[in-house]
C-alpha atoms as a PDB file:
ATOM      1  CA  MET A   1       0.000   0.000   0.000  1.00  0.00           C
ATOM      2  CA  GLN A   2       1.631   3.208  -1.185  1.00  0.00           C
ATOM      3  CA  LEU A   3       0.364   5.212   1.796  1.00  0.00           C
ATOM      4  CA  LEU A   4       2.028   2.968   4.368  1.00  0.00           C
ATOM      5  CA  ARG A   5       5.185   2.738   2.280  1.00  0.00           C
ATOM      6  CA  GLN A   6       5.504   6.550   2.286  1.00  0.00           C
ATOM      7  CA  ILE A   7       4.705   6.960   5.992  1.00  0.00           C
ATOM      8  CA  SER A   8       7.346   4.307   6.678  1.00  0.00           C
ATOM      9  CA  VAL A   9       9.945   6.433   4.888  1.00  0.00           C
ATOM     10  CA  TYR A  10       9.076   9.341   7.196  1.00  0.00           C
ATOM     11  CA  ILE A  11       9.659   7.268  10.351  1.00  0.00           C
ATOM     12  CA  GLY A  12      12.548   5.077   9.200  1.00  0.00           C
ATOM     13  CA  TYR A  13      10.590   1.811   9.104  1.00  0.00           C
ATOM     14  CA  ARG A  14      11.622  -0.802   6.509  1.00  0.00           C
ATOM     15  CA  TYR A  15       8.311  -1.491   4.783  1.00  0.00           C
ATOM     16  CA  ASP A  16       8.584  -4.543   2.520  1.00  0.00           C
ATOM     17  CA  ASP A  17       6.759  -7.382   0.785  1.00  0.00           C
ATOM     18  CA  LEU A  18       5.883  -9.022   4.103  1.00  0.00           C
ATOM     19  CA  ASP A  19       3.988  -5.884   5.085  1.00  0.00           C
ATOM     20  CA  GLU A  20       2.143  -5.967   1.763  1.00  0.00           C
ATOM     21  CA  ALA A  21       1.239  -9.635   2.318  1.00  0.00           C
ATOM     22  CA  ALA A  22      -0.097  -8.844   5.803  1.00  0.00           C
ATOM     23  CA  LEU A  23      -2.437  -6.253   4.289  1.00  0.00           C
ATOM     24  CA  THR A  24      -3.872  -8.532   1.606  1.00  0.00           C
ATOM     25  CA  GLY A  25      -7.604  -8.776   2.282  1.00  0.00           C
ATOM     26  CA  ALA A  26      -7.239  -6.979   5.622  1.00  0.00           C
ATOM     27  CA  LEU A  27      -9.831  -4.330   4.772  1.00  0.00           C
ATOM     28  CA  ASP A  28     -12.493  -6.721   3.456  1.00  0.00           C
ATOM     29  CA  ASP A  29     -14.471  -6.839   6.708  1.00  0.00           C
ATOM     30  CA  THR A  30     -13.782  -3.312   7.970  1.00  0.00           C
ATOM     31  CA  ASN A  31     -16.342  -0.570   8.495  1.00  0.00           C
ATOM     32  CA  ASP A  32     -15.401   3.022   9.255  1.00  0.00           C
ATOM     33  CA  GLU A  33     -18.787   3.628  10.891  1.00  0.00           C
ATOM     34  CA  ASP A  34     -18.141   0.961  13.554  1.00  0.00           C
ATOM     35  CA  VAL A  35     -15.753   1.722  16.421  1.00  0.00           C
ATOM     36  CA  ASP A  36     -14.566  -1.909  16.349  1.00  0.00           C
ATOM     37  CA  GLY A  37     -14.578  -2.113  12.553  1.00  0.00           C
ATOM     38  CA  TRP A  38     -11.084  -0.772  11.939  1.00  0.00           C
ATOM     39  CA  PHE A  39      -7.946  -2.700  10.982  1.00  0.00           C
ATOM     40  CA  GLU A  40      -4.842  -1.629  12.911  1.00  0.00           C
ATOM     41  CA  TYR A  41      -1.344  -1.931  11.478  1.00  0.00           C
ATOM     42  CA  PRO A  42       1.763  -1.032  13.509  1.00  0.00           C
ATOM     43  CA  LEU A  43       4.755   0.689  11.937  1.00  0.00           C
ATOM     44  CA  ALA A  44       7.707   0.256  14.302  1.00  0.00           C
ATOM     45  CA  GLY A  45       9.734   3.283  13.294  1.00  0.00           C
ATOM     46  CA  THR A  46      10.722   6.422  15.153  1.00  0.00           C
ATOM     47  CA  PRO A  47       8.215   7.310  16.372  1.00  0.00           C
ATOM     48  CA  ALA A  48       6.221   4.083  16.409  1.00  0.00           C
ATOM     49  CA  LEU A  49       2.827   4.601  14.774  1.00  0.00           C
ATOM     50  CA  VAL A  50      -0.381   2.637  14.496  1.00  0.00           C
ATOM     51  CA  ILE A  51      -2.210   3.144  11.237  1.00  0.00           C
ATOM     52  CA  ARG A  52      -5.931   2.422  11.414  1.00  0.00           C
ATOM     53  CA  LEU A  53      -7.748   1.647   8.166  1.00  0.00           C
ATOM     54  CA  ALA A  54     -11.395   0.965   7.351  1.00  0.00           C
ATOM     55  CA  GLN A  55     -13.624   0.989   4.307  1.00  0.00           C
ATOM     56  CA  SER A  56     -16.727   3.095   4.083  1.00  0.00           C
ATOM     57  CA  PRO A  57     -19.754   0.782   3.708  1.00  0.00           C
ATOM     58  CA  GLY A  58     -20.927   0.439   0.127  1.00  0.00           C
ATOM     59  CA  SER A  59     -17.943   2.207  -1.419  1.00  0.00           C
ATOM     60  CA  GLY A  60     -14.266   1.823  -2.179  1.00  0.00           C
ATOM     61  CA  VAL A  61     -13.323   4.772   0.038  1.00  0.00           C
ATOM     62  CA  VAL A  62     -10.806   3.916   2.761  1.00  0.00           C
ATOM     63  CA  SER A  63     -10.625   5.993   5.928  1.00  0.00           C
ATOM     64  CA  VAL A  64      -7.210   6.337   7.568  1.00  0.00           C
ATOM     65  CA  ARG A  65      -6.064   7.392  11.031  1.00  0.00           C
ATOM     66  CA  ALA A  66      -2.438   7.664  12.111  1.00  0.00           C
ATOM     67  CA  GLU A  67      -1.849   7.429  15.853  1.00  0.00           C
ATOM     68  CA  GLY A  68       1.334   7.876  17.853  1.00  0.00           C
ATOM     69  CA  ALA A  69       3.632  10.489  19.337  1.00  0.00           C
ATOM     70  CA  MET A  70       4.074  12.701  16.273  1.00  0.00           C
ATOM     71  CA  ASP A  71       5.702  16.089  16.176  1.00  0.00           C
ATOM     72  CA  LEU A  72       4.147  18.865  14.101  1.00  0.00           C
ATOM     73  CA  VAL A  73       6.382  18.200  11.075  1.00  0.00           C
ATOM     74  CA  LEU A  74       5.494  14.495  10.877  1.00  0.00           C
ATOM     75  CA  ALA A  75       1.792  15.147  11.473  1.00  0.00           C
ATOM     76  CA  THR A  76       1.793  17.742   8.685  1.00  0.00           C
ATOM     77  CA  ARG A  77       3.605  15.385   6.304  1.00  0.00           C
ATOM     78  CA  ILE A  78       1.103  12.609   6.944  1.00  0.00           C
ATOM     79  CA  GLU A  79      -1.844  14.988   6.624  1.00  0.00           C
ATOM     80  CA  THR A  80      -0.494  16.267   3.288  1.00  0.00           C
ATOM     81  CA  LEU A  81       0.056  12.701   2.084  1.00  0.00           C
ATOM     82  CA  LEU A  82      -3.541  11.804   2.972  1.00  0.00           C
ATOM     83  CA  ASP A  83      -4.783  14.832   1.044  1.00  0.00           C
ATOM     84  CA  LEU A  84      -2.788  13.795  -2.039  1.00  0.00           C
ATOM     85  CA  LEU A  85      -3.751  10.133  -2.043  1.00  0.00           C
END
């Protein structure tokens, strides 16, 4: 997933084919309208982040949340990336 690959660059995490394999089909049963309907994926960089992903019911839209101890620069980079993708 290009989004996670780019965020990984920002935090120094080595995102690879194993990460891609872990995400295969992971969003199939998600629902961004359900508190428990999100898929969580950890990125163990600096800082460590948890990326939460969920599909919007009835569409191909994926909602994304990045959680962790981010400084303003990292938060702005991720926000800009989300706007572009």
